[in-house]
C-alpha atoms as a PDB file:
ATOM      1  CA  MET A   1      16.122  -3.345  21.854  1.00  0.00           C
ATOM      2  CA  PRO A   2      15.526  -1.347  18.657  1.00  0.00           C
ATOM      3  CA  GLN A   3      13.131  -2.919  16.166  1.00  0.00           C
ATOM      4  CA  VAL A   4      12.937  -2.311  12.401  1.00  0.00           C
ATOM      5  CA  LEU A   5       9.429  -2.432  10.963  1.00  0.00           C
ATOM      6  CA  ALA A   6       8.302  -2.616   7.330  1.00  0.00           C
ATOM      7  CA  LEU A   7       5.313  -0.264   7.282  1.00  0.00           C
ATOM      8  CA  THR A   8       1.994  -1.261   5.766  1.00  0.00           C
ATOM      9  CA  GLN A   9      -0.738   0.596   7.667  1.00  0.00           C
ATOM     10  CA  PRO A  10      -2.181   4.065   6.970  1.00  0.00           C
ATOM     11  CA  ASP A  11      -1.621   5.195  10.570  1.00  0.00           C
ATOM     12  CA  GLN A  12       2.050   4.251  10.241  1.00  0.00           C
ATOM     13  CA  PHE A  13       2.332   6.329   7.069  1.00  0.00           C
ATOM     14  CA  GLU A  14       0.786   9.268   8.903  1.00  0.00           C
ATOM     15  CA  ARG A  15       3.414   8.992  11.660  1.00  0.00           C
ATOM     16  CA  TYR A  16       6.163   8.724   9.016  1.00  0.00           C
ATOM     17  CA  ALA A  17       4.896  11.877   7.268  1.00  0.00           C
ATOM     18  CA  ASP A  18       4.947  13.792  10.568  1.00  0.00           C
ATOM     19  CA  PHE A  19       8.335  12.516  11.710  1.00  0.00           C
ATOM     20  CA  GLY A  20      10.307  15.272   9.957  1.00  0.00           C
ATOM     21  CA  ALA A  21       8.617  17.909  12.113  1.00  0.00           C
ATOM     22  CA  GLN A  22       9.981  16.094  15.153  1.00  0.00           C
ATOM     23  CA  VAL A  23      13.514  15.983  13.727  1.00  0.00           C
ATOM     24  CA  TYR A  24      13.553  19.654  12.696  1.00  0.00           C
ATOM     25  CA  GLN A  25      11.395  21.230  15.374  1.00  0.00           C
ATOM     26  CA  GLY A  26      12.308  24.890  15.724  1.00  0.00           C
ATOM     27  CA  ASN A  27      14.756  24.817  12.781  1.00  0.00           C
ATOM     28  CA  PRO A  28      13.980  27.865  10.597  1.00  0.00           C
ATOM     29  CA  CYS A  29      15.883  26.426   7.623  1.00  0.00           C
ATOM     30  CA  TRP A  30      13.725  23.316   7.247  1.00  0.00           C
ATOM     31  CA  ALA A  31      11.277  23.470   4.354  1.00  0.00           C
ATOM     32  CA  PRO A  32       8.628  20.819   5.107  1.00  0.00           C
ATOM     33  CA  PRO A  33       7.804  18.477   2.228  1.00  0.00           C
ATOM     34  CA  HIS A  34       4.328  18.579   0.747  1.00  0.00           C
ATOM     35  CA  ARG A  35       2.594  16.264   3.203  1.00  0.00           C
ATOM     36  CA  GLU A  36      -0.043  14.896   0.833  1.00  0.00           C
ATOM     37  CA  HIS A  37       2.567  14.126  -1.804  1.00  0.00           C
ATOM     38  CA  LEU A  38       4.728  12.367   0.777  1.00  0.00           C
ATOM     39  CA  LEU A  39       1.739  10.290   1.852  1.00  0.00           C
ATOM     40  CA  ASP A  40       1.033   9.437  -1.792  1.00  0.00           C
ATOM     41  CA  GLU A  41       4.606   8.152  -2.090  1.00  0.00           C
ATOM     42  CA  LEU A  42       4.284   6.030   1.030  1.00  0.00           C
ATOM     43  CA  HIS A  43       0.866   4.719  -0.072  1.00  0.00           C
ATOM     44  CA  ARG A  44       2.255   3.931  -3.542  1.00  0.00           C
ATOM     45  CA  ARG A  45      -0.193   6.327  -5.171  1.00  0.00           C
ATOM     46  CA  VAL A  46       2.449   8.035  -7.355  1.00  0.00           C
ATOM     47  CA  PRO A  47       2.994   7.240 -11.068  1.00  0.00           C
ATOM     48  CA  GLN A  48       6.326   5.559 -10.238  1.00  0.00           C
ATOM     49  CA  ALA A  49       4.473   2.850  -8.307  1.00  0.00           C
ATOM     50  CA  GLU A  50       3.530   1.218 -11.610  1.00  0.00           C
ATOM     51  CA  TYR A  51       7.136   0.136 -12.194  1.00  0.00           C
ATOM     52  CA  SER A  52       8.717   0.390  -8.740  1.00  0.00           C
ATOM     53  CA  ASP A  53       8.820  -1.672  -5.575  1.00  0.00           C
ATOM     54  CA  ILE A  54       8.256   0.794  -2.716  1.00  0.00           C
ATOM     55  CA  GLN A  55       8.610  -0.120   0.953  1.00  0.00           C
ATOM     56  CA  PRO A  56       8.718   2.391   3.839  1.00  0.00           C
ATOM     57  CA  PHE A  57      10.533   1.422   7.043  1.00  0.00           C
ATOM     58  CA  TRP A  58      11.192   2.824  10.472  1.00  0.00           C
ATOM     59  CA  ILE A  59      13.125   1.771  13.520  1.00  0.00           C
ATOM     60  CA  GLU A  60      11.683   2.247  16.976  1.00  0.00           C
ATOM     61  CA  ARG A  61      12.873   1.838  20.523  1.00  0.00           C
ATOM     62  CA  ASP A  62      10.359   1.457  23.309  1.00  0.00           C
ATOM     63  CA  GLY A  63       7.593   2.414  20.893  1.00  0.00           C
ATOM     64  CA  ALA A  64       9.226   5.695  19.840  1.00  0.00           C
ATOM     65  CA  VAL A  65      10.368   6.151  16.235  1.00  0.00           C
ATOM     66  CA  ALA A  66      14.076   6.982  15.924  1.00  0.00           C
ATOM     67  CA  ALA A  67      14.588   6.994  12.134  1.00  0.00           C
ATOM     68  CA  VAL A  68      12.673   6.403   8.892  1.00  0.00           C
ATOM     69  CA  ALA A  69      13.643   5.475   5.332  1.00  0.00           C
ATOM     70  CA  THR A  70      11.912   4.312   2.167  1.00  0.00           C
ATOM     71  CA  ALA A  71      13.310   1.585  -0.099  1.00  0.00           C
ATOM     72  CA  VAL A  72      12.643   1.967  -3.829  1.00  0.00           C
ATOM     73  CA  ILE A  73      13.623  -0.456  -6.584  1.00  0.00           C
ATOM     74  CA  ASP A  74      13.015   1.366  -9.865  1.00  0.00           C
ATOM     75  CA  ARG A  75      12.758  -1.339 -12.523  1.00  0.00           C
ATOM     76  CA  LEU A  76      12.930   1.132 -15.433  1.00  0.00           C
ATOM     77  CA  TYR A  77      16.151   2.548 -14.003  1.00  0.00           C
ATOM     78  CA  ASN A  78      17.730  -0.862 -13.583  1.00  0.00           C
ATOM     79  CA  GLU A  79      16.708  -2.004 -17.071  1.00  0.00           C
ATOM     80  CA  HIS A  80      18.026   1.202 -18.627  1.00  0.00           C
ATOM     81  CA  TRP A  81      21.419   1.005 -16.897  1.00  0.00           C
ATOM     82  CA  ASN A  82      21.648  -2.804 -16.738  1.00  0.00           C
ATOM     83  CA  GLU A  83      22.123  -2.538 -12.983  1.00  0.00           C
ATOM     84  CA  GLN A  84      20.536  -3.977  -9.881  1.00  0.00           C
ATOM     85  CA  VAL A  85      20.463  -0.956  -7.591  1.00  0.00           C
ATOM     86  CA  GLY A  86      18.073  -0.149  -4.788  1.00  0.00           C
ATOM     87  CA  HIS A  87      17.512   3.460  -3.730  1.00  0.00           C
ATOM     88  CA  ILE A  88      17.154   4.564  -0.108  1.00  0.00           C
ATOM     89  CA  LEU A  89      15.080   7.733  -0.025  1.00  0.00           C
ATOM     90  CA  LEU A  90      13.255  10.021   2.415  1.00  0.00           C
ATOM     91  CA  PHE A  91      15.674   9.150   5.212  1.00  0.00           C
ATOM     92  CA  GLU A  92      15.243  11.102   8.439  1.00  0.00           C
ATOM     93  CA  ALA A  93      16.651  10.431  11.921  1.00  0.00           C
ATOM     94  CA  LEU A  94      16.732  12.038  15.322  1.00  0.00           C
ATOM     95  CA  PRO A  95      20.047  13.244  16.763  1.00  0.00           C
ATOM     96  CA  ARG A  96      22.089  10.907  18.934  1.00  0.00           C
ATOM     97  CA  ARG A  97      20.517   7.823  17.380  1.00  0.00           C
ATOM     98  CA  ASP A  98      23.678   6.432  15.777  1.00  0.00           C
ATOM     99  CA  GLU A  99      22.910   2.809  16.584  1.00  0.00           C
ATOM    100  CA  GLU A 100      19.302   2.952  15.419  1.00  0.00           C
ATOM    101  CA  ALA A 101      20.072   4.831  12.190  1.00  0.00           C
ATOM    102  CA  ALA A 102      22.818   2.397  11.198  1.00  0.00           C
ATOM    103  CA  GLU A 103      20.606  -0.588  12.044  1.00  0.00           C
ATOM    104  CA  LEU A 104      17.754   0.790   9.936  1.00  0.00           C
ATOM    105  CA  LEU A 105      19.973   1.411   6.909  1.00  0.00           C
ATOM    106  CA  ARG A 106      21.509  -2.049   7.194  1.00  0.00           C
ATOM    107  CA  ALA A 107      18.026  -3.589   7.341  1.00  0.00           C
ATOM    108  CA  VAL A 108      16.952  -1.746   4.190  1.00  0.00           C
ATOM    109  CA  CYS A 109      20.098  -3.010   2.459  1.00  0.00           C
ATOM    110  CA  GLY A 110      19.108  -6.527   3.506  1.00  0.00           C
ATOM    111  CA  TRP A 111      15.670  -5.994   1.952  1.00  0.00           C
ATOM    112  CA  PHE A 112      17.393  -4.980  -1.295  1.00  0.00           C
ATOM    113  CA  ARG A 113      19.752  -7.964  -1.165  1.00  0.00           C
ATOM    114  CA  ASP A 114      16.832 -10.362  -0.748  1.00  0.00           C
ATOM    115  CA  ARG A 115      15.390  -8.969  -3.992  1.00  0.00           C
ATOM    116  CA  GLY A 116      18.527  -9.366  -6.054  1.00  0.00           C
ATOM    117  CA  CYS A 117      20.058  -5.910  -5.729  1.00  0.00           C
ATOM    118  CA  ARG A 118      23.834  -5.675  -5.799  1.00  0.00           C
ATOM    119  CA  ALA A 119      24.131  -2.118  -4.494  1.00  0.00           C
ATOM    120  CA  ALA A 120      22.209   0.518  -2.553  1.00  0.00           C
ATOM    121  CA  ARG A 121      22.281   4.232  -3.373  1.00  0.00           C
ATOM    122  CA  LEU A 122      21.183   6.740  -0.768  1.00  0.00           C
ATOM    123  CA  GLY A 123      19.563  10.108  -1.216  1.00  0.00           C
ATOM    124  CA  TYR A 124      19.323  10.469  -4.986  1.00  0.00           C
ATOM    125  CA  LEU A 125      16.760   9.357  -7.523  1.00  0.00           C
ATOM    126  CA  PRO A 126      15.453  12.036  -9.898  1.00  0.00           C
ATOM    127  CA  GLY A 127      11.695  12.170  -9.679  1.00  0.00           C
ATOM    128  CA  TRP A 128      11.957  11.316  -5.974  1.00  0.00           C
ATOM    129  CA  GLN A 129      14.779  13.119  -4.200  1.00  0.00           C
ATOM    130  CA  LEU A 130      17.891  15.227  -4.733  1.00  0.00           C
ATOM    131  CA  PRO A 131      21.088  14.519  -2.732  1.00  0.00           C
ATOM    132  CA  LEU A 132      22.050  15.293   0.836  1.00  0.00           C
ATOM    133  CA  THR A 133      23.644  18.684   1.403  1.00  0.00           C
ATOM    134  CA  ILE A 134      27.193  18.983   2.720  1.00  0.00           C
ATOM    135  CA  ASP A 135      27.489  22.677   3.466  1.00  0.00           C
ATOM    136  CA  ALA A 136      24.053  24.306   3.318  1.00  0.00           C
ATOM    137  CA  CYS A 137      22.667  23.126   6.645  1.00  0.00           C
ATOM    138  CA  ASP A 138      22.198  26.723   7.769  1.00  0.00           C
ATOM    139  CA  GLN A 139      20.194  27.815   4.713  1.00  0.00           C
ATOM    140  CA  VAL A 140      16.692  27.169   3.428  1.00  0.00           C
ATOM    141  CA  PRO A 141      17.060  24.646   0.590  1.00  0.00           C
ATOM    142  CA  THR A 142      16.263  25.565  -2.980  1.00  0.00           C
ATOM    143  CA  CYS A 143      12.976  24.278  -4.383  1.00  0.00           C
ATOM    144  CA  PHE A 144      12.970  20.436  -4.763  1.00  0.00           C
ATOM    145  CA  HIS A 145      16.111  20.115  -2.686  1.00  0.00           C
ATOM    146  CA  GLY A 146      15.709  18.557   0.723  1.00  0.00           C
ATOM    147  CA  PHE A 147      17.245  19.585   4.000  1.00  0.00           C
ATOM    148  CA  ASN A 148      19.363  17.544   6.369  1.00  0.00           C
ATOM    149  CA  PRO A 149      21.457  18.093   9.499  1.00  0.00           C
ATOM    150  CA  PRO A 150      25.224  17.499   9.314  1.00  0.00           C
ATOM    151  CA  TYR A 151      25.080  14.386  11.495  1.00  0.00           C
ATOM    152  CA  TYR A 152      23.309  12.409   8.746  1.00  0.00           C
ATOM    153  CA  HIS A 153      26.659  11.927   7.036  1.00  0.00           C
ATOM    154  CA  ASN A 154      28.010  10.133  10.100  1.00  0.00           C
ATOM    155  CA  TYR A 155      24.940   7.923  10.254  1.00  0.00           C
ATOM    156  CA  VAL A 156      25.215   6.962   6.587  1.00  0.00           C
ATOM    157  CA  LYS A 157      28.937   6.217   6.670  1.00  0.00           C
ATOM    158  CA  ASN A 158      28.609   4.250   9.909  1.00  0.00           C
ATOM    159  CA  ALA A 159      26.154   2.034   8.016  1.00  0.00           C
ATOM    160  CA  GLY A 160      28.838   1.130   5.461  1.00  0.00           C
ATOM    161  CA  PHE A 161      28.150   3.653   2.710  1.00  0.00           C
ATOM    162  CA  TYR A 162      30.804   5.581   0.789  1.00  0.00           C
ATOM    163  CA  THR A 163      30.730   8.682  -1.404  1.00  0.00           C
ATOM    164  CA  GLU A 164      29.718   7.753  -4.926  1.00  0.00           C
ATOM    165  CA  ARG A 165      29.270  11.156  -6.553  1.00  0.00           C
ATOM    166  CA  GLY A 166      29.339  14.832  -5.694  1.00  0.00           C
ATOM    167  CA  CYS A 167      27.036  17.543  -7.001  1.00  0.00           C
ATOM    168  CA  VAL A 168      26.866  21.315  -6.913  1.00  0.00           C
ATOM    169  CA  GLU A 169      24.323  24.079  -7.077  1.00  0.00           C
ATOM    170  CA  TYR A 170      25.270  27.266  -8.894  1.00  0.00           C
ATOM    171  CA  ARG A 171      23.788  30.682  -8.162  1.00  0.00           C
ATOM    172  CA  THR A 172      23.966  34.125  -9.680  1.00  0.00           C
ATOM    173  CA  GLN A 173      22.921  37.608  -8.679  1.00  0.00           C
ATOM    174  CA  PHE A 174      21.495  39.381 -11.721  1.00  0.00           C
ATOM    175  CA  THR A 175      23.150  42.599 -12.846  1.00  0.00           C
ATOM    176  CA  ILE A 176      22.687  45.010 -15.732  1.00  0.00           C
ATOM    177  CA  GLU A 177      25.913  43.690 -17.237  1.00  0.00           C
ATOM    178  CA  LEU A 178      24.764  40.068 -17.003  1.00  0.00           C
ATOM    179  CA  ALA A 179      21.409  40.929 -18.590  1.00  0.00           C
ATOM    180  CA  ALA A 180      23.198  42.577 -21.524  1.00  0.00           C
ATOM    181  CA  GLY A 181      25.328  39.457 -21.889  1.00  0.00           C
ATOM    182  CA  TYR A 182      22.233  37.238 -21.891  1.00  0.00           C
ATOM    183  CA  HIS A 183      20.706  39.297 -24.699  1.00  0.00           C
ATOM    184  CA  ASP A 184      23.931  38.899 -26.666  1.00  0.00           C
ATOM    185  CA  ILE A 185      23.926  35.121 -26.119  1.00  0.00           C
ATOM    186  CA  VAL A 186      20.380  34.848 -27.475  1.00  0.00           C
ATOM    187  CA  ARG A 187      21.179  37.062 -30.488  1.00  0.00           C
ATOM    188  CA  ARG A 188      24.215  34.982 -31.417  1.00  0.00           C
ATOM    189  CA  ALA A 189      22.260  31.734 -31.175  1.00  0.00           C
ATOM    190  CA  ARG A 190      19.442  33.123 -33.311  1.00  0.00           C
ATOM    191  CA  HIS A 191      21.968  34.295 -35.869  1.00  0.00           C
ATOM    192  CA  ALA A 192      23.245  30.703 -35.988  1.00  0.00           C
ATOM    193  CA  GLY A 193      19.753  29.450 -36.834  1.00  0.00           C
ATOM    194  CA  VAL A 194      18.399  28.548 -33.403  1.00  0.00           C
ATOM    195  CA  LEU A 195      14.772  29.485 -32.686  1.00  0.00           C
ATOM    196  CA  PHE A 196      13.661  29.868 -29.066  1.00  0.00           C
ATOM    197  CA  ARG A 197      10.025  29.820 -27.989  1.00  0.00           C
ATOM    198  CA  PRO A 198       8.409  29.797 -24.546  1.00  0.00           C
ATOM    199  CA  TRP A 199       6.139  26.912 -23.630  1.00  0.00           C
ATOM    200  CA  ASP A 200       2.515  27.374 -24.640  1.00  0.00           C
ATOM    201  CA  PHE A 201       0.494  26.770 -21.476  1.00  0.00           C
ATOM    202  CA  SER A 202      -2.772  26.789 -23.433  1.00  0.00           C
ATOM    203  CA  ARG A 203      -1.699  23.353 -24.704  1.00  0.00           C
ATOM    204  CA  LEU A 204       0.351  22.195 -21.758  1.00  0.00           C
ATOM    205  CA  GLU A 205      -0.534  18.541 -22.300  1.00  0.00           C
ATOM    206  CA  SER A 206       1.178  18.435 -25.711  1.00  0.00           C
ATOM    207  CA  GLU A 207       4.063  20.542 -24.402  1.00  0.00           C
ATOM    208  CA  THR A 208       4.484  17.973 -21.628  1.00  0.00           C
ATOM    209  CA  THR A 209       4.723  15.238 -24.259  1.00  0.00           C
ATOM    210  CA  LEU A 210       7.539  17.130 -25.987  1.00  0.00           C
ATOM    211  CA  PHE A 211       9.179  17.848 -22.623  1.00  0.00           C
ATOM    212  CA  THR A 212       9.116  14.112 -21.841  1.00  0.00           C
ATOM    213  CA  THR A 213      10.554  13.131 -25.221  1.00  0.00           C
ATOM    214  CA  LEU A 214      13.381  15.650 -25.004  1.00  0.00           C
ATOM    215  CA  THR A 215      14.183  14.811 -21.378  1.00  0.00           C
ATOM    216  CA  ASN A 216      14.531  11.107 -22.071  1.00  0.00           C
ATOM    217  CA  ASP A 217      16.535  11.765 -25.246  1.00  0.00           C
ATOM    218  CA  THR A 218      18.973  14.324 -23.830  1.00  0.00           C
ATOM    219  CA  PHE A 219      19.513  12.541 -20.498  1.00  0.00           C
ATOM    220  CA  ALA A 220      19.690   8.967 -21.802  1.00  0.00           C
ATOM    221  CA  GLY A 221      23.420   8.798 -21.048  1.00  0.00           C
ATOM    222  CA  HIS A 222      23.453  11.034 -17.974  1.00  0.00           C
ATOM    223  CA  TRP A 223      24.642   9.199 -14.876  1.00  0.00           C
ATOM    224  CA  GLY A 224      21.964   8.357 -12.347  1.00  0.00           C
ATOM    225  CA  MET A 225      18.996   9.424 -14.493  1.00  0.00           C
ATOM    226  CA  PRO A 226      16.097   7.039 -15.028  1.00  0.00           C
ATOM    227  CA  PRO A 227      13.832   7.139 -18.069  1.00  0.00           C
ATOM    228  CA  PHE A 228      10.660   9.069 -17.251  1.00  0.00           C
ATOM    229  CA  PRO A 229       7.172   8.044 -18.346  1.00  0.00           C
ATOM    230  CA  GLU A 230       5.050  11.063 -19.206  1.00  0.00           C
ATOM    231  CA  PRO A 231       2.790  10.787 -16.097  1.00  0.00           C
ATOM    232  CA  VAL A 232       5.877  11.332 -13.905  1.00  0.00           C
ATOM    233  CA  LEU A 233       7.009  14.499 -15.681  1.00  0.00           C
ATOM    234  CA  SER A 234       3.444  15.772 -15.889  1.00  0.00           C
ATOM    235  CA  THR A 235       3.646  16.278 -12.115  1.00  0.00           C
ATOM    236  CA  LEU A 236       6.188  19.041 -12.877  1.00  0.00           C
ATOM    237  CA  THR A 237       4.008  20.640 -15.544  1.00  0.00           C
ATOM    238  CA  ILE A 238       0.285  19.993 -15.265  1.00  0.00           C
ATOM    239  CA  GLY A 239       0.629  19.276 -11.553  1.00  0.00           C
ATOM    240  CA  LEU A 240       2.384  22.604 -10.939  1.00  0.00           C
ATOM    241  CA  ARG A 241       0.562  24.656 -13.579  1.00  0.00           C
ATOM    242  CA  ASP A 242      -0.555  27.314 -11.101  1.00  0.00           C
ATOM    243  CA  ALA A 243       2.971  27.789  -9.706  1.00  0.00           C
ATOM    244  CA  LEU A 244       4.830  27.967 -13.029  1.00  0.00           C
ATOM    245  CA  VAL A 245       5.675  31.017 -15.121  1.00  0.00           C
ATOM    246  CA  PRO A 246       5.362  30.113 -18.831  1.00  0.00           C
ATOM    247  CA  GLU A 247       8.141  32.479 -19.904  1.00  0.00           C
ATOM    248  CA  PHE A 248      10.616  30.681 -17.618  1.00  0.00           C
ATOM    249  CA  CYS A 249      10.328  27.470 -19.695  1.00  0.00           C
ATOM    250  CA  TRP A 250      11.632  27.386 -23.265  1.00  0.00           C
ATOM    251  CA  PHE A 251      12.088  25.060 -26.233  1.00  0.00           C
ATOM    252  CA  ALA A 252      14.781  25.434 -28.883  1.00  0.00           C
ATOM    253  CA  GLU A 253      14.366  24.458 -32.534  1.00  0.00           C
ATOM    254  CA  VAL A 254      16.849  24.155 -35.366  1.00  0.00           C
ATOM    255  CA  ALA A 255      15.554  23.891 -38.938  1.00  0.00           C
ATOM    256  CA  GLY A 256      12.118  23.092 -37.580  1.00  0.00           C
ATOM    257  CA  GLU A 257      13.327  20.223 -35.359  1.00  0.00           C
ATOM    258  CA  PRO A 258      13.174  20.245 -31.545  1.00  0.00           C
ATOM    259  CA  ALA A 259      16.736  20.710 -30.308  1.00  0.00           C
ATOM    260  CA  GLY A 260      16.480  21.266 -26.558  1.00  0.00           C
ATOM    261  CA  PHE A 261      14.545  22.666 -23.634  1.00  0.00           C
ATOM    262  CA  VAL A 262      14.853  24.388 -20.288  1.00  0.00           C
ATOM    263  CA  TYR A 263      12.528  23.950 -17.312  1.00  0.00           C
ATOM    264  CA  SER A 264      12.675  26.710 -14.715  1.00  0.00           C
ATOM    265  CA  LEU A 265      10.303  27.881 -12.029  1.00  0.00           C
ATOM    266  CA  PRO A 266      10.063  30.254  -9.060  1.00  0.00           C
ATOM    267  CA  ASP A 267      11.773  29.020  -5.913  1.00  0.00           C
ATOM    268  CA  LEU A 268       8.713  27.718  -4.087  1.00  0.00           C
ATOM    269  CA  ASN A 269      10.709  27.532  -0.849  1.00  0.00           C
ATOM    270  CA  GLN A 270      11.045  31.314  -0.826  1.00  0.00           C
ATOM    271  CA  PRO A 271       7.511  32.671  -0.542  1.00  0.00           C
ATOM    272  CA  GLU A 272       8.753  36.254  -0.636  1.00  0.00           C
ATOM    273  CA  GLY A 273       9.795  35.617  -4.244  1.00  0.00           C
ATOM    274  CA  GLY A 274      12.592  37.103  -6.278  1.00  0.00           C
ATOM    275  CA  HIS A 275      14.623  33.928  -6.803  1.00  0.00           C
ATOM    276  CA  GLY A 276      14.290  31.581  -9.775  1.00  0.00           C
ATOM    277  CA  VAL A 277      15.397  27.982 -10.214  1.00  0.00           C
ATOM    278  CA  LEU A 278      16.761  26.586 -13.456  1.00  0.00           C
ATOM    279  CA  LEU A 279      16.144  22.924 -12.687  1.00  0.00           C
ATOM    280  CA  ILE A 280      16.507  20.982 -15.955  1.00  0.00           C
ATOM    281  CA  ILE A 281      18.207  21.870 -19.223  1.00  0.00           C
ATOM    282  CA  GLY A 282      18.890  19.473 -22.071  1.00  0.00           C
ATOM    283  CA  VAL A 283      20.126  19.660 -25.663  1.00  0.00           C
ATOM    284  CA  ARG A 284      19.973  16.825 -28.176  1.00  0.00           C
ATOM    285  CA  GLU A 285      23.388  15.486 -29.076  1.00  0.00           C
ATOM    286  CA  ALA A 286      23.171  16.516 -32.741  1.00  0.00           C
ATOM    287  CA  TYR A 287      22.724  20.159 -31.741  1.00  0.00           C
ATOM    288  CA  ARG A 288      25.326  20.467 -28.999  1.00  0.00           C
ATOM    289  CA  GLY A 289      28.210  22.890 -29.403  1.00  0.00           C
ATOM    290  CA  ARG A 290      26.041  25.555 -31.093  1.00  0.00           C
ATOM    291  CA  GLY A 291      25.193  27.637 -28.055  1.00  0.00           C
ATOM    292  CA  VAL A 292      21.710  26.145 -27.722  1.00  0.00           C
ATOM    293  CA  ASN A 293      22.175  25.462 -24.010  1.00  0.00           C
ATOM    294  CA  LEU A 294      23.398  28.975 -23.311  1.00  0.00           C
ATOM    295  CA  GLY A 295      20.571  30.493 -25.342  1.00  0.00           C
ATOM    296  CA  LEU A 296      17.941  28.478 -23.485  1.00  0.00           C
ATOM    297  CA  ALA A 297      19.322  29.389 -20.066  1.00  0.00           C
ATOM    298  CA  ALA A 298      19.767  33.044 -21.022  1.00  0.00           C
ATOM    299  CA  SER A 299      16.172  33.211 -22.304  1.00  0.00           C
ATOM    300  CA  SER A 300      14.907  31.815 -19.001  1.00  0.00           C
ATOM    301  CA  TYR A 301      17.058  34.186 -16.929  1.00  0.00           C
ATOM    302  CA  LEU A 302      15.974  37.201 -18.998  1.00  0.00           C
ATOM    303  CA  ALA A 303      12.338  36.318 -18.307  1.00  0.00           C
ATOM    304  CA  MET A 304      13.138  36.230 -14.596  1.00  0.00           C
ATOM    305  CA  ILE A 305      14.836  39.614 -14.809  1.00  0.00           C
ATOM    306  CA  ASP A 306      11.818  41.045 -16.658  1.00  0.00           C
ATOM    307  CA  ARG A 307       9.657  39.947 -13.709  1.00  0.00           C
ATOM    308  CA  GLY A 308      11.931  41.672 -11.223  1.00  0.00           C
ATOM    309  CA  TYR A 309      13.772  38.602  -9.966  1.00  0.00           C
ATOM    310  CA  ARG A 310      17.104  39.405  -8.354  1.00  0.00           C
ATOM    311  CA  SER A 311      18.826  36.010  -8.472  1.00  0.00           C
ATOM    312  CA  ALA A 312      18.619  32.449  -9.747  1.00  0.00           C
ATOM    313  CA  SER A 313      19.989  28.976  -9.194  1.00  0.00           C
ATOM    314  CA  TYR A 314      21.347  26.582 -11.783  1.00  0.00           C
ATOM    315  CA  THR A 315      20.885  23.180 -10.193  1.00  0.00           C
ATOM    316  CA  ILE A 316      21.751  20.357  -9.795  1.00  0.00           C
ATOM    317  CA  VAL A 317      25.059  19.543 -11.555  1.00  0.00           C
ATOM    318  CA  LEU A 318      27.340  16.548 -11.120  1.00  0.00           C
ATOM    319  CA  ASP A 319      30.894  17.498 -10.149  1.00  0.00           C
ATOM    320  CA  ASP A 320      32.285  16.014 -13.373  1.00  0.00           C
ATOM    321  CA  ASN A 321      29.608  17.338 -15.739  1.00  0.00           C
ATOM    322  CA  TRP A 322      31.956  19.896 -17.247  1.00  0.00           C
ATOM    323  CA  PRO A 323      29.735  20.992 -20.174  1.00  0.00           C
ATOM    324  CA  SER A 324      26.959  21.939 -17.749  1.00  0.00           C
ATOM    325  CA  ARG A 325      29.393  23.522 -15.311  1.00  0.00           C
ATOM    326  CA  ARG A 326      30.921  25.643 -18.087  1.00  0.00           C
ATOM    327  CA  THR A 327      27.441  26.738 -19.151  1.00  0.00           C
ATOM    328  CA  ALA A 328      26.681  27.883 -15.607  1.00  0.00           C
ATOM    329  CA  GLU A 329      29.937  29.777 -15.354  1.00  0.00           C
ATOM    330  CA  LYS A 330      29.368  31.534 -18.698  1.00  0.00           C
ATOM    331  CA  LEU A 331      26.058  32.739 -17.296  1.00  0.00           C
ATOM    332  CA  GLY A 332      27.851  34.381 -14.380  1.00  0.00           C
ATOM    333  CA  CYS A 333      26.982  31.663 -11.877  1.00  0.00           C
ATOM    334  CA  ARG A 334      29.228  30.429  -9.091  1.00  0.00           C
ATOM    335  CA  ILE A 335      29.046  27.374  -6.868  1.00  0.00           C
ATOM    336  CA  GLU A 336      27.231  28.075  -3.612  1.00  0.00           C
ATOM    337  CA  ARG A 337      26.153  24.655  -2.301  1.00  0.00           C
ATOM    338  CA  ASN A 338      27.551  21.135  -2.437  1.00  0.00           C
ATOM    339  CA  PHE A 339      25.849  17.762  -2.206  1.00  0.00           C
ATOM    340  CA  VAL A 340      26.791  14.104  -1.960  1.00  0.00           C
ATOM    341  CA  ILE A 341      25.352  10.800  -3.208  1.00  0.00           C
ATOM    342  CA  TYR A 342      26.175   7.674  -1.212  1.00  0.00           C
ATOM    343  CA  ARG A 343      26.503   4.023  -2.205  1.00  0.00           C
ATOM    344  CA  ARG A 344      26.933   0.714  -0.464  1.00  0.00           C
ATOM    345  CA  ASP A 345      27.867  -2.452  -2.326  1.00  0.00           C
ATOM    346  CA  LEU A 346      25.824  -5.479  -1.302  1.00  0.00           C
ATOM    347  CA  ARG A 347      27.789  -8.699  -1.258  1.00  0.00           C
END
């Protein structure tokens, strides 16, 4: 009989961290997660542990692990949205383990229910994980995106989950014509009184403080986003200092006041280089509708072009986030990948 275990021992966390290699053995599209970071998450050594309940699980049959998942209750998220939602993250399962996968997910939902949660969301919590892919199972995922086989969707739905939201990733191939258009976008925004400046990496700590303030301000009403303490976002800045390109990240100011930001980086999943990732862009509500978002994105893309990059992503965008989708399209981007976020109501 399959048995679900709540993991507590370091050797169990080691087996969990290595389980993905068993699932994806020989798959050239799988981009392994950073093992030490994954172990830090399982050991509760990440900044989120201060305000989150974190419990890894697996299900085994005859001593062999069939599937793993981590339950996270983010108290800041639930306070911000006045919800009681638990997040199922880092789910992996072997093929032809329908019964075990469904049993594991149901057990995690029971763990949430015992702690007062009224719903479970699977595969999406910014700062932890981006959603499951629908149609990019034959491609290496973009940086910070995970990878999953198509059969995961059957496992999740067989456990009683339904589609809560869809998301997309946009991509563009840079051209001379697009570059000229980006220059024009920046000129028009500057003419309207918007100042753009790249992040100053000689004072990255203070830039991270501004990045945190702007992120929490601009995304306060964005579905599914938690508030971020500065130590969490510093993992994207100070923690990745050596991998970042300062000219890819920009702030916008209007009349001396911070108006918005863009955070972009090289696609770390493509070691050969040449592809950039626009991961986060935000504009304060008072400054929206002035082309600030377009100017920030265009500034980042122009810096990529100057470094010889051939293409870039604009990710990740909710299906119904039309302002962000229109921004991507005005930059010459088109949808290339689709993702899904799942939910199960707990009654």
